[in-house]
Amino acid sequence: MPAKLRNALGQVTAVPFEGTAFRVMFGGILVRDSEFKHLQAQIGAGRCNPGGIRRIYLALEKKTARAEFEHVQKSLDPDTDPDLVEAHEFAVRVKLGRILDICDEQTRNVIGIDLAAISEDWRFTASMTRLQTLGKLVAEGVGDFVAIRYPSQRTDSGINIVVFTDRLQNDDFLEANTIRPTGRLTGAR
């Protein structure tokens, strides 16, 4: 699949995105009262990446960011009511020039990824899922994309973006929209 997928990624048209995205994280008071980088890339495995790849997951709607957070919180501590967990929510100004949009059916057809592959449970598999394989290739620079836009599995119409921070290009940026800004990720090196 990787060789075929590599070729297919060269045939897909990238789409730009400029607007607002959202993120919800653990630790409201701690985050607000400390010097904290809101946009620090993580390297753990996720729906669109195997472990070891620097990325940031964002949602295009606040309700989707909350639903994704609640899902993670429940998977870590199923006995605690998500409403009782301290969380920090914030908006992110986003400008990305080259996104692989797998919300688009035509794009999914070209790269051979269907909705079942997007919803595949990645947490309990011994090998990479098809979506993680796709993310690994994107993170390696195949197709020259910086992010993947994909349907959320936590809301009916929600959209998520995973940004591979090492792929950010010159005009790309992510900037936390907070009372006390904590920096900006850019593609400028």
N, C-alpha and C. Protein backbone atom coordinates (compact mmCIF):
# COMPACT_ATOMS: atom_id res chain seq x y z
N MET A 1 0.81 -1.21 0.00
CA MET A 1 0.00 0.00 0.00
C MET A 1 0.85 1.27 0.00
N PRO A 2 1.96 1.36 0.76
CA PRO A 2 2.70 2.62 0.77
C PRO A 2 3.15 3.10 -0.61
N ALA A 3 3.63 2.22 -1.49
CA ALA A 3 4.09 2.68 -2.82
C ALA A 3 2.92 3.24 -3.62
N LYS A 4 1.81 2.54 -3.60
CA LYS A 4 0.62 3.00 -4.31
C LYS A 4 0.11 4.32 -3.71
N LEU A 5 0.13 4.38 -2.39
CA LEU A 5 -0.32 5.59 -1.70
C LEU A 5 0.61 6.77 -1.98
N ARG A 6 1.91 6.52 -2.03
CA ARG A 6 2.88 7.57 -2.37
C ARG A 6 2.55 8.18 -3.73
N ASN A 7 2.30 7.32 -4.70
CA ASN A 7 1.96 7.79 -6.05
C ASN A 7 0.66 8.58 -6.05
N ALA A 8 -0.33 8.07 -5.33
CA ALA A 8 -1.64 8.75 -5.28
C ALA A 8 -1.53 10.13 -4.64
N LEU A 9 -0.68 10.27 -3.62
CA LEU A 9 -0.53 11.57 -2.96
C LEU A 9 0.03 12.63 -3.91
N GLY A 10 0.77 12.20 -4.91
CA GLY A 10 1.28 13.14 -5.91
C GLY A 10 0.21 13.61 -6.88
N GLN A 11 -0.94 12.94 -6.90
CA GLN A 11 -2.02 13.27 -7.83
C GLN A 11 -3.13 14.11 -7.19
N VAL A 12 -3.05 14.31 -5.89
CA VAL A 12 -4.11 15.00 -5.15
C VAL A 12 -3.79 16.49 -5.06
N THR A 13 -4.82 17.30 -5.23
CA THR A 13 -4.66 18.75 -5.12
C THR A 13 -4.76 19.18 -3.66
N ALA A 14 -3.78 19.93 -3.20
CA ALA A 14 -3.81 20.47 -1.84
C ALA A 14 -4.81 21.61 -1.76
N VAL A 15 -5.39 21.79 -0.58
CA VAL A 15 -6.30 22.92 -0.36
C VAL A 15 -5.73 23.79 0.75
N PRO A 16 -5.93 25.11 0.66
CA PRO A 16 -5.48 26.00 1.73
C PRO A 16 -6.56 26.14 2.80
N PHE A 17 -6.17 26.60 3.96
CA PHE A 17 -7.13 26.95 5.01
C PHE A 17 -6.59 28.14 5.77
N GLU A 18 -7.45 29.13 5.95
CA GLU A 18 -7.13 30.27 6.81
C GLU A 18 -8.37 30.57 7.62
N GLY A 19 -8.24 30.53 8.93
CA GLY A 19 -9.38 30.76 9.79
C GLY A 19 -9.07 30.41 11.22
N THR A 20 -10.10 29.98 11.93
CA THR A 20 -9.97 29.66 13.35
C THR A 20 -10.20 28.18 13.58
N ALA A 21 -9.40 27.62 14.44
CA ALA A 21 -9.59 26.24 14.91
C ALA A 21 -9.60 26.29 16.43
N PHE A 22 -9.87 25.15 17.05
CA PHE A 22 -10.00 25.11 18.51
C PHE A 22 -9.26 23.92 19.09
N ARG A 23 -8.88 24.09 20.35
CA ARG A 23 -8.18 23.03 21.06
C ARG A 23 -8.65 23.05 22.51
N VAL A 24 -8.80 21.87 23.09
CA VAL A 24 -9.12 21.73 24.51
C VAL A 24 -8.06 20.82 25.12
N MET A 25 -7.51 21.26 26.25
CA MET A 25 -6.44 20.51 26.92
C MET A 25 -6.76 20.36 28.40
N PHE A 26 -6.09 19.44 29.04
CA PHE A 26 -6.22 19.26 30.48
C PHE A 26 -5.61 20.45 31.22
N GLY A 27 -6.15 20.78 32.41
CA GLY A 27 -5.50 21.69 33.34
C GLY A 27 -5.79 23.15 33.20
N GLY A 28 -7.01 23.59 33.36
CA GLY A 28 -7.38 24.99 33.19
C GLY A 28 -6.59 25.98 34.02
N ILE A 29 -6.66 25.92 35.35
CA ILE A 29 -6.00 26.91 36.20
C ILE A 29 -4.49 26.83 36.03
N LEU A 30 -3.95 25.64 36.01
CA LEU A 30 -2.50 25.47 35.86
C LEU A 30 -2.02 26.12 34.57
N VAL A 31 -2.75 25.90 33.49
CA VAL A 31 -2.36 26.44 32.19
C VAL A 31 -2.47 27.96 32.18
N ARG A 32 -3.55 28.50 32.71
CA ARG A 32 -3.76 29.95 32.67
C ARG A 32 -2.76 30.71 33.54
N ASP A 33 -2.31 30.10 34.63
CA ASP A 33 -1.47 30.81 35.59
C ASP A 33 0.02 30.50 35.46
N SER A 34 0.42 29.89 34.39
CA SER A 34 1.84 29.57 34.24
C SER A 34 2.32 29.96 32.85
N GLU A 35 3.61 29.98 32.69
CA GLU A 35 4.18 30.17 31.36
C GLU A 35 4.03 28.84 30.65
N PHE A 36 3.20 28.79 29.66
CA PHE A 36 2.82 27.53 29.04
C PHE A 36 2.73 27.73 27.54
N LYS A 37 3.23 26.79 26.79
CA LYS A 37 3.15 26.86 25.33
C LYS A 37 1.89 26.12 24.88
N HIS A 38 0.90 26.87 24.46
CA HIS A 38 -0.37 26.29 24.04
C HIS A 38 -0.22 25.39 22.82
N LEU A 39 0.75 25.66 21.99
CA LEU A 39 0.88 24.94 20.72
C LEU A 39 2.13 24.08 20.67
N GLN A 40 2.43 23.44 21.76
CA GLN A 40 3.57 22.53 21.78
C GLN A 40 3.17 21.22 21.10
N ALA A 41 3.92 20.84 20.09
CA ALA A 41 3.62 19.60 19.36
C ALA A 41 3.88 18.40 20.26
N GLN A 42 3.03 17.41 20.10
CA GLN A 42 3.17 16.14 20.82
C GLN A 42 3.70 15.09 19.86
N ILE A 43 4.20 13.96 20.39
CA ILE A 43 4.73 12.91 19.52
C ILE A 43 4.08 11.55 19.75
N GLY A 44 3.07 11.49 20.59
CA GLY A 44 2.38 10.22 20.81
C GLY A 44 1.56 9.82 19.59
N ALA A 45 1.25 8.53 19.50
CA ALA A 45 0.41 8.05 18.39
C ALA A 45 -0.97 8.70 18.46
N GLY A 46 -1.57 8.89 17.31
CA GLY A 46 -2.91 9.45 17.21
C GLY A 46 -3.64 8.84 16.02
N ARG A 47 -4.86 9.26 15.81
CA ARG A 47 -5.66 8.71 14.71
C ARG A 47 -4.93 8.80 13.37
N CYS A 48 -4.22 9.89 13.14
CA CYS A 48 -3.58 10.14 11.84
C CYS A 48 -2.06 10.00 11.87
N ASN A 49 -1.51 9.42 12.92
CA ASN A 49 -0.05 9.29 12.96
C ASN A 49 0.39 8.18 13.91
N PRO A 50 1.48 7.49 13.55
CA PRO A 50 2.10 6.59 14.53
C PRO A 50 2.91 7.44 15.51
N GLY A 51 3.37 6.85 16.59
CA GLY A 51 4.18 7.58 17.55
C GLY A 51 5.48 8.08 16.94
N GLY A 52 6.01 9.16 17.52
CA GLY A 52 7.29 9.69 17.09
C GLY A 52 7.21 10.83 16.08
N ILE A 53 6.02 11.20 15.66
CA ILE A 53 5.85 12.27 14.67
C ILE A 53 5.29 13.50 15.37
N ARG A 54 5.96 14.63 15.21
CA ARG A 54 5.52 15.88 15.84
C ARG A 54 4.26 16.39 15.13
N ARG A 55 3.19 16.57 15.93
CA ARG A 55 1.91 17.00 15.36
C ARG A 55 1.06 17.70 16.40
N ILE A 56 0.09 18.46 15.92
CA ILE A 56 -0.91 19.11 16.76
C ILE A 56 -2.27 18.83 16.15
N TYR A 57 -3.18 18.32 16.97
CA TYR A 57 -4.55 18.08 16.54
C TYR A 57 -5.41 19.27 16.92
N LEU A 58 -6.22 19.74 15.98
CA LEU A 58 -7.13 20.86 16.18
C LEU A 58 -8.50 20.47 15.62
N ALA A 59 -9.54 21.15 16.08
CA ALA A 59 -10.89 20.97 15.53
C ALA A 59 -11.35 22.30 14.95
N LEU A 60 -12.17 22.23 13.91
CA LEU A 60 -12.65 23.47 13.29
C LEU A 60 -13.86 24.06 14.02
N GLU A 61 -14.45 23.30 14.93
CA GLU A 61 -15.58 23.80 15.71
C GLU A 61 -15.27 23.57 17.19
N LYS A 62 -15.70 24.49 18.03
CA LYS A 62 -15.45 24.35 19.47
C LYS A 62 -16.13 23.11 20.02
N LYS A 63 -17.35 22.81 19.58
CA LYS A 63 -18.05 21.63 20.11
C LYS A 63 -17.31 20.34 19.74
N THR A 64 -16.66 20.32 18.59
CA THR A 64 -15.88 19.14 18.20
C THR A 64 -14.63 19.02 19.06
N ALA A 65 -13.95 20.13 19.33
CA ALA A 65 -12.78 20.10 20.21
C ALA A 65 -13.17 19.57 21.59
N ARG A 66 -14.31 20.02 22.10
CA ARG A 66 -14.79 19.54 23.40
C ARG A 66 -15.10 18.05 23.36
N ALA A 67 -15.76 17.61 22.30
CA ALA A 67 -16.11 16.18 22.18
C ALA A 67 -14.86 15.32 22.08
N GLU A 68 -13.86 15.77 21.35
CA GLU A 68 -12.59 15.03 21.24
C GLU A 68 -11.91 14.96 22.61
N PHE A 69 -11.88 16.07 23.33
CA PHE A 69 -11.28 16.10 24.67
C PHE A 69 -12.01 15.13 25.60
N GLU A 70 -13.33 15.17 25.60
CA GLU A 70 -14.10 14.29 26.48
C GLU A 70 -13.84 12.83 26.16
N HIS A 71 -13.68 12.50 24.88
CA HIS A 71 -13.37 11.12 24.50
C HIS A 71 -12.01 10.69 25.06
N VAL A 72 -11.02 11.54 24.92
CA VAL A 72 -9.68 11.22 25.46
C VAL A 72 -9.75 11.09 26.97
N GLN A 73 -10.41 12.03 27.62
CA GLN A 73 -10.52 12.00 29.08
C GLN A 73 -11.20 10.71 29.54
N LYS A 74 -12.29 10.32 28.88
CA LYS A 74 -13.01 9.10 29.24
C LYS A 74 -12.16 7.86 29.03
N SER A 75 -11.34 7.86 27.98
CA SER A 75 -10.50 6.69 27.73
C SER A 75 -9.39 6.57 28.78
N LEU A 76 -8.96 7.70 29.33
CA LEU A 76 -7.93 7.68 30.37
C LEU A 76 -8.51 7.40 31.75
N ASP A 77 -9.73 7.88 32.00
CA ASP A 77 -10.35 7.74 33.32
C ASP A 77 -11.86 7.60 33.15
N PRO A 78 -12.33 6.38 32.83
CA PRO A 78 -13.75 6.19 32.52
C PRO A 78 -14.70 6.45 33.68
N ASP A 79 -14.19 6.48 34.91
CA ASP A 79 -15.06 6.66 36.07
C ASP A 79 -15.31 8.11 36.44
N THR A 80 -14.60 9.04 35.82
CA THR A 80 -14.75 10.46 36.15
C THR A 80 -15.64 11.15 35.13
N ASP A 81 -16.59 11.91 35.63
CA ASP A 81 -17.47 12.69 34.78
C ASP A 81 -16.65 13.77 34.07
N PRO A 82 -16.70 13.83 32.72
CA PRO A 82 -15.92 14.84 31.99
C PRO A 82 -16.22 16.27 32.44
N ASP A 83 -17.43 16.53 32.93
CA ASP A 83 -17.78 17.87 33.39
C ASP A 83 -17.01 18.27 34.65
N LEU A 84 -16.42 17.29 35.34
CA LEU A 84 -15.67 17.58 36.56
C LEU A 84 -14.17 17.71 36.32
N VAL A 85 -13.75 17.52 35.10
CA VAL A 85 -12.32 17.58 34.76
C VAL A 85 -11.96 19.01 34.37
N GLU A 86 -10.91 19.53 34.98
CA GLU A 86 -10.44 20.88 34.65
C GLU A 86 -9.86 20.87 33.24
N ALA A 87 -10.35 21.75 32.40
CA ALA A 87 -9.90 21.81 31.01
C ALA A 87 -9.61 23.26 30.62
N HIS A 88 -8.75 23.40 29.64
CA HIS A 88 -8.40 24.72 29.11
C HIS A 88 -8.76 24.73 27.63
N GLU A 89 -9.62 25.65 27.24
CA GLU A 89 -10.05 25.77 25.85
C GLU A 89 -9.48 27.05 25.26
N PHE A 90 -9.10 26.98 24.01
CA PHE A 90 -8.65 28.20 23.35
C PHE A 90 -8.80 28.08 21.84
N ALA A 91 -8.87 29.23 21.21
CA ALA A 91 -8.94 29.30 19.76
C ALA A 91 -7.52 29.43 19.20
N VAL A 92 -7.37 29.01 17.96
CA VAL A 92 -6.07 29.07 17.29
C VAL A 92 -6.28 29.72 15.92
N ARG A 93 -5.54 30.78 15.66
CA ARG A 93 -5.53 31.36 14.31
C ARG A 93 -4.67 30.46 13.45
N VAL A 94 -5.20 30.09 12.29
CA VAL A 94 -4.53 29.11 11.43
C VAL A 94 -4.40 29.64 10.01
N LYS A 95 -3.23 29.45 9.45
CA LYS A 95 -3.03 29.68 8.02
C LYS A 95 -2.14 28.55 7.51
N LEU A 96 -2.72 27.71 6.68
CA LEU A 96 -1.99 26.57 6.11
C LEU A 96 -2.23 26.55 4.61
N GLY A 97 -1.18 26.44 3.85
CA GLY A 97 -1.29 26.50 2.40
C GLY A 97 -1.55 25.17 1.71
N ARG A 98 -1.15 24.05 2.33
CA ARG A 98 -1.22 22.76 1.63
C ARG A 98 -1.78 21.67 2.54
N ILE A 99 -3.10 21.54 2.53
CA ILE A 99 -3.77 20.53 3.35
C ILE A 99 -4.27 19.40 2.46
N LEU A 100 -4.09 18.18 2.93
CA LEU A 100 -4.69 17.01 2.30
C LEU A 100 -6.08 16.87 2.91
N ASP A 101 -7.12 17.09 2.11
CA ASP A 101 -8.50 17.12 2.61
C ASP A 101 -9.19 15.78 2.34
N ILE A 102 -9.20 14.90 3.35
CA ILE A 102 -9.87 13.61 3.15
C ILE A 102 -11.33 13.66 3.59
N CYS A 103 -11.84 14.85 3.86
CA CYS A 103 -13.29 15.03 3.98
C CYS A 103 -13.90 14.97 2.58
N ASP A 104 -13.08 15.26 1.59
CA ASP A 104 -13.51 15.29 0.19
C ASP A 104 -13.52 13.87 -0.38
N GLU A 105 -14.68 13.44 -0.87
CA GLU A 105 -14.84 12.07 -1.37
C GLU A 105 -13.93 11.79 -2.56
N GLN A 106 -13.77 12.74 -3.45
CA GLN A 106 -12.91 12.54 -4.61
C GLN A 106 -11.46 12.31 -4.18
N THR A 107 -11.00 13.07 -3.21
CA THR A 107 -9.64 12.88 -2.69
C THR A 107 -9.50 11.49 -2.06
N ARG A 108 -10.50 11.09 -1.28
CA ARG A 108 -10.45 9.74 -0.67
C ARG A 108 -10.38 8.67 -1.74
N ASN A 109 -11.13 8.84 -2.82
CA ASN A 109 -11.12 7.85 -3.91
C ASN A 109 -9.74 7.76 -4.56
N VAL A 110 -9.10 8.90 -4.79
CA VAL A 110 -7.78 8.91 -5.43
C VAL A 110 -6.75 8.20 -4.56
N ILE A 111 -6.78 8.44 -3.25
CA ILE A 111 -5.76 7.84 -2.38
C ILE A 111 -6.18 6.49 -1.81
N GLY A 112 -7.41 6.07 -2.08
CA GLY A 112 -7.85 4.74 -1.65
C GLY A 112 -8.12 4.62 -0.16
N ILE A 113 -8.63 5.69 0.43
CA ILE A 113 -9.00 5.68 1.85
C ILE A 113 -10.50 5.92 1.92
N ASP A 114 -11.21 5.05 2.62
CA ASP A 114 -12.65 5.24 2.75
C ASP A 114 -12.99 5.67 4.18
N LEU A 115 -14.28 5.94 4.41
CA LEU A 115 -14.70 6.40 5.73
C LEU A 115 -14.43 5.36 6.81
N ALA A 116 -14.50 4.07 6.45
CA ALA A 116 -14.20 3.01 7.42
C ALA A 116 -12.75 3.10 7.89
N ALA A 117 -11.84 3.43 6.98
CA ALA A 117 -10.42 3.56 7.36
C ALA A 117 -10.21 4.75 8.29
N ILE A 118 -10.99 5.81 8.08
CA ILE A 118 -10.86 6.99 8.93
C ILE A 118 -11.36 6.69 10.34
N SER A 119 -12.39 5.86 10.45
CA SER A 119 -12.96 5.56 11.76
C SER A 119 -12.32 4.36 12.44
N GLU A 120 -11.37 3.71 11.79
CA GLU A 120 -10.70 2.54 12.35
C GLU A 120 -10.07 2.87 13.71
N ASP A 121 -10.28 1.99 14.69
CA ASP A 121 -9.73 2.22 16.03
C ASP A 121 -8.24 1.94 16.04
N TRP A 122 -7.45 2.96 16.19
CA TRP A 122 -5.99 2.87 16.12
C TRP A 122 -5.35 2.49 17.44
N ARG A 123 -6.09 2.60 18.54
CA ARG A 123 -5.48 2.43 19.86
C ARG A 123 -5.10 0.99 20.20
N PHE A 124 -5.74 0.03 19.57
CA PHE A 124 -5.52 -1.36 19.97
C PHE A 124 -5.00 -2.23 18.83
N THR A 125 -4.36 -1.64 17.85
CA THR A 125 -3.83 -2.42 16.73
C THR A 125 -2.33 -2.62 16.90
N ALA A 126 -1.87 -3.77 16.42
CA ALA A 126 -0.44 -4.09 16.51
C ALA A 126 0.37 -3.35 15.45
N SER A 127 -0.28 -3.03 14.34
CA SER A 127 0.42 -2.32 13.27
C SER A 127 -0.30 -1.01 12.98
N MET A 128 0.31 -0.20 12.13
CA MET A 128 -0.30 1.09 11.78
C MET A 128 -1.60 0.88 11.01
N THR A 129 -2.58 1.74 11.28
CA THR A 129 -3.80 1.74 10.48
C THR A 129 -3.50 2.40 9.14
N ARG A 130 -4.43 2.31 8.22
CA ARG A 130 -4.25 2.96 6.91
C ARG A 130 -4.12 4.47 7.07
N LEU A 131 -4.89 5.04 7.99
CA LEU A 131 -4.82 6.49 8.20
C LEU A 131 -3.49 6.90 8.85
N GLN A 132 -2.98 6.08 9.75
CA GLN A 132 -1.66 6.37 10.33
C GLN A 132 -0.56 6.27 9.27
N THR A 133 -0.69 5.29 8.37
CA THR A 133 0.27 5.17 7.27
C THR A 133 0.23 6.42 6.40
N LEU A 134 -0.97 6.89 6.10
CA LEU A 134 -1.13 8.12 5.33
C LEU A 134 -0.45 9.29 6.05
N GLY A 135 -0.72 9.44 7.34
CA GLY A 135 -0.11 10.52 8.12
C GLY A 135 1.40 10.43 8.16
N LYS A 136 1.93 9.23 8.26
CA LYS A 136 3.39 9.05 8.28
C LYS A 136 3.99 9.53 6.96
N LEU A 137 3.35 9.19 5.84
CA LEU A 137 3.85 9.63 4.54
C LEU A 137 3.77 11.15 4.40
N VAL A 138 2.67 11.73 4.84
CA VAL A 138 2.54 13.19 4.79
C VAL A 138 3.62 13.84 5.65
N ALA A 139 3.84 13.30 6.85
CA ALA A 139 4.87 13.85 7.74
C ALA A 139 6.27 13.73 7.13
N GLU A 140 6.47 12.73 6.29
CA GLU A 140 7.76 12.54 5.61
C GLU A 140 7.92 13.45 4.40
N GLY A 141 6.85 14.16 4.03
CA GLY A 141 6.93 15.10 2.91
C GLY A 141 6.35 14.61 1.61
N VAL A 142 5.79 13.41 1.60
CA VAL A 142 5.18 12.89 0.37
C VAL A 142 3.96 13.75 0.02
N GLY A 143 3.95 14.30 -1.17
CA GLY A 143 2.86 15.17 -1.60
C GLY A 143 3.02 16.62 -1.16
N ASP A 144 4.00 16.89 -0.34
CA ASP A 144 4.31 18.25 0.13
C ASP A 144 3.14 18.89 0.88
N PHE A 145 2.40 18.09 1.65
CA PHE A 145 1.31 18.61 2.48
C PHE A 145 1.85 18.98 3.86
N VAL A 146 1.12 19.85 4.58
CA VAL A 146 1.50 20.20 5.94
C VAL A 146 0.51 19.66 6.97
N ALA A 147 -0.66 19.23 6.50
CA ALA A 147 -1.71 18.81 7.42
C ALA A 147 -2.70 17.90 6.71
N ILE A 148 -3.51 17.22 7.51
CA ILE A 148 -4.62 16.41 6.99
C ILE A 148 -5.90 16.93 7.63
N ARG A 149 -6.88 17.20 6.81
CA ARG A 149 -8.23 17.59 7.27
C ARG A 149 -9.09 16.35 7.16
N TYR A 150 -9.79 15.98 8.25
CA TYR A 150 -10.54 14.72 8.25
C TYR A 150 -11.79 14.84 9.13
N PRO A 151 -12.81 13.98 8.86
CA PRO A 151 -14.03 14.04 9.66
C PRO A 151 -13.79 13.53 11.09
N SER A 152 -14.34 14.24 12.04
CA SER A 152 -14.26 13.81 13.44
C SER A 152 -15.09 12.55 13.63
N GLN A 153 -14.64 11.70 14.51
CA GLN A 153 -15.40 10.51 14.88
C GLN A 153 -16.24 10.77 16.12
N ARG A 154 -16.19 11.96 16.67
CA ARG A 154 -16.89 12.27 17.93
C ARG A 154 -18.14 13.12 17.74
N THR A 155 -18.29 13.77 16.59
CA THR A 155 -19.49 14.54 16.29
C THR A 155 -19.93 14.21 14.87
N ASP A 156 -21.21 14.40 14.59
CA ASP A 156 -21.75 14.03 13.28
C ASP A 156 -21.17 14.83 12.13
N SER A 157 -20.93 16.11 12.35
CA SER A 157 -20.47 16.95 11.24
C SER A 157 -19.15 17.66 11.53
N GLY A 158 -18.47 17.28 12.60
CA GLY A 158 -17.24 17.95 12.99
C GLY A 158 -16.07 17.63 12.08
N ILE A 159 -15.15 18.57 12.01
CA ILE A 159 -13.95 18.44 11.18
C ILE A 159 -12.72 18.68 12.06
N ASN A 160 -11.73 17.83 11.90
CA ASN A 160 -10.45 17.99 12.60
C ASN A 160 -9.34 18.24 11.59
N ILE A 161 -8.26 18.83 12.08
CA ILE A 161 -7.04 18.98 11.29
C ILE A 161 -5.88 18.52 12.16
N VAL A 162 -5.04 17.67 11.59
CA VAL A 162 -3.79 17.34 12.26
C VAL A 162 -2.69 18.04 11.47
N VAL A 163 -1.91 18.86 12.17
CA VAL A 163 -0.84 19.64 11.54
C VAL A 163 0.49 18.98 11.91
N PHE A 164 1.25 18.64 10.90
CA PHE A 164 2.58 18.06 11.10
C PHE A 164 3.56 19.23 11.18
N THR A 165 3.93 19.59 12.39
CA THR A 165 4.62 20.87 12.61
C THR A 165 5.99 20.95 11.94
N ASP A 166 6.64 19.84 11.72
CA ASP A 166 7.93 19.89 11.01
C ASP A 166 7.75 20.17 9.52
N ARG A 167 6.53 20.11 9.02
CA ARG A 167 6.23 20.35 7.61
C ARG A 167 5.78 21.78 7.34
N LEU A 168 5.58 22.60 8.37
CA LEU A 168 5.12 23.97 8.16
C LEU A 168 6.04 24.69 7.19
N GLN A 169 5.44 25.41 6.24
CA GLN A 169 6.20 26.12 5.22
C GLN A 169 6.17 27.62 5.50
N ASN A 170 6.85 28.40 4.68
CA ASN A 170 7.11 29.82 4.96
C ASN A 170 5.90 30.64 5.39
N ASP A 171 4.78 30.56 4.70
CA ASP A 171 3.64 31.40 5.03
C ASP A 171 2.67 30.74 6.01
N ASP A 172 2.92 29.49 6.39
CA ASP A 172 2.04 28.78 7.31
C ASP A 172 2.25 29.27 8.73
N PHE A 173 1.16 29.28 9.53
CA PHE A 173 1.32 29.54 10.95
C PHE A 173 0.14 29.03 11.74
N LEU A 174 0.40 28.78 13.02
CA LEU A 174 -0.61 28.49 14.04
C LEU A 174 -0.31 29.47 15.17
N GLU A 175 -1.34 30.16 15.65
CA GLU A 175 -1.12 31.12 16.73
C GLU A 175 -2.26 31.03 17.72
N ALA A 176 -1.92 30.72 18.97
CA ALA A 176 -2.94 30.63 20.01
C ALA A 176 -3.56 32.00 20.23
N ASN A 177 -4.87 32.04 20.25
CA ASN A 177 -5.61 33.28 20.49
C ASN A 177 -5.97 33.29 21.98
N THR A 178 -5.04 33.75 22.80
CA THR A 178 -5.21 33.73 24.24
C THR A 178 -4.96 35.12 24.82
N ILE A 179 -5.38 35.32 26.06
CA ILE A 179 -5.18 36.61 26.72
C ILE A 179 -3.70 36.94 26.80
N ARG A 180 -2.90 35.94 27.10
CA ARG A 180 -1.46 36.12 27.20
C ARG A 180 -0.82 35.21 26.15
N PRO A 181 -0.65 35.70 24.92
CA PRO A 181 -0.12 34.84 23.85
C PRO A 181 1.19 34.18 24.25
N THR A 182 1.32 32.93 23.84
CA THR A 182 2.48 32.14 24.25
C THR A 182 3.32 31.70 23.07
N GLY A 183 3.31 32.49 22.03
CA GLY A 183 4.16 32.17 20.90
C GLY A 183 3.37 31.79 19.67
N ARG A 184 4.11 31.50 18.66
CA ARG A 184 3.52 31.24 17.35
C ARG A 184 4.38 30.19 16.66
N LEU A 185 3.76 29.21 16.05
CA LEU A 185 4.47 28.23 15.24
C LEU A 185 4.40 28.67 13.80
N THR A 186 5.53 28.72 13.14
CA THR A 186 5.56 29.13 11.74
C THR A 186 6.41 28.17 10.94
N GLY A 187 6.32 28.30 9.64
CA GLY A 187 7.16 27.53 8.75
C GLY A 187 8.49 28.20 8.49
N ALA A 188 8.63 29.45 8.87
CA ALA A 188 9.89 30.17 8.66
C ALA A 188 10.96 29.57 9.56
N ARG A 189 12.06 29.20 8.99
CA ARG A 189 13.12 28.54 9.76
C ARG A 189 14.25 29.48 10.01
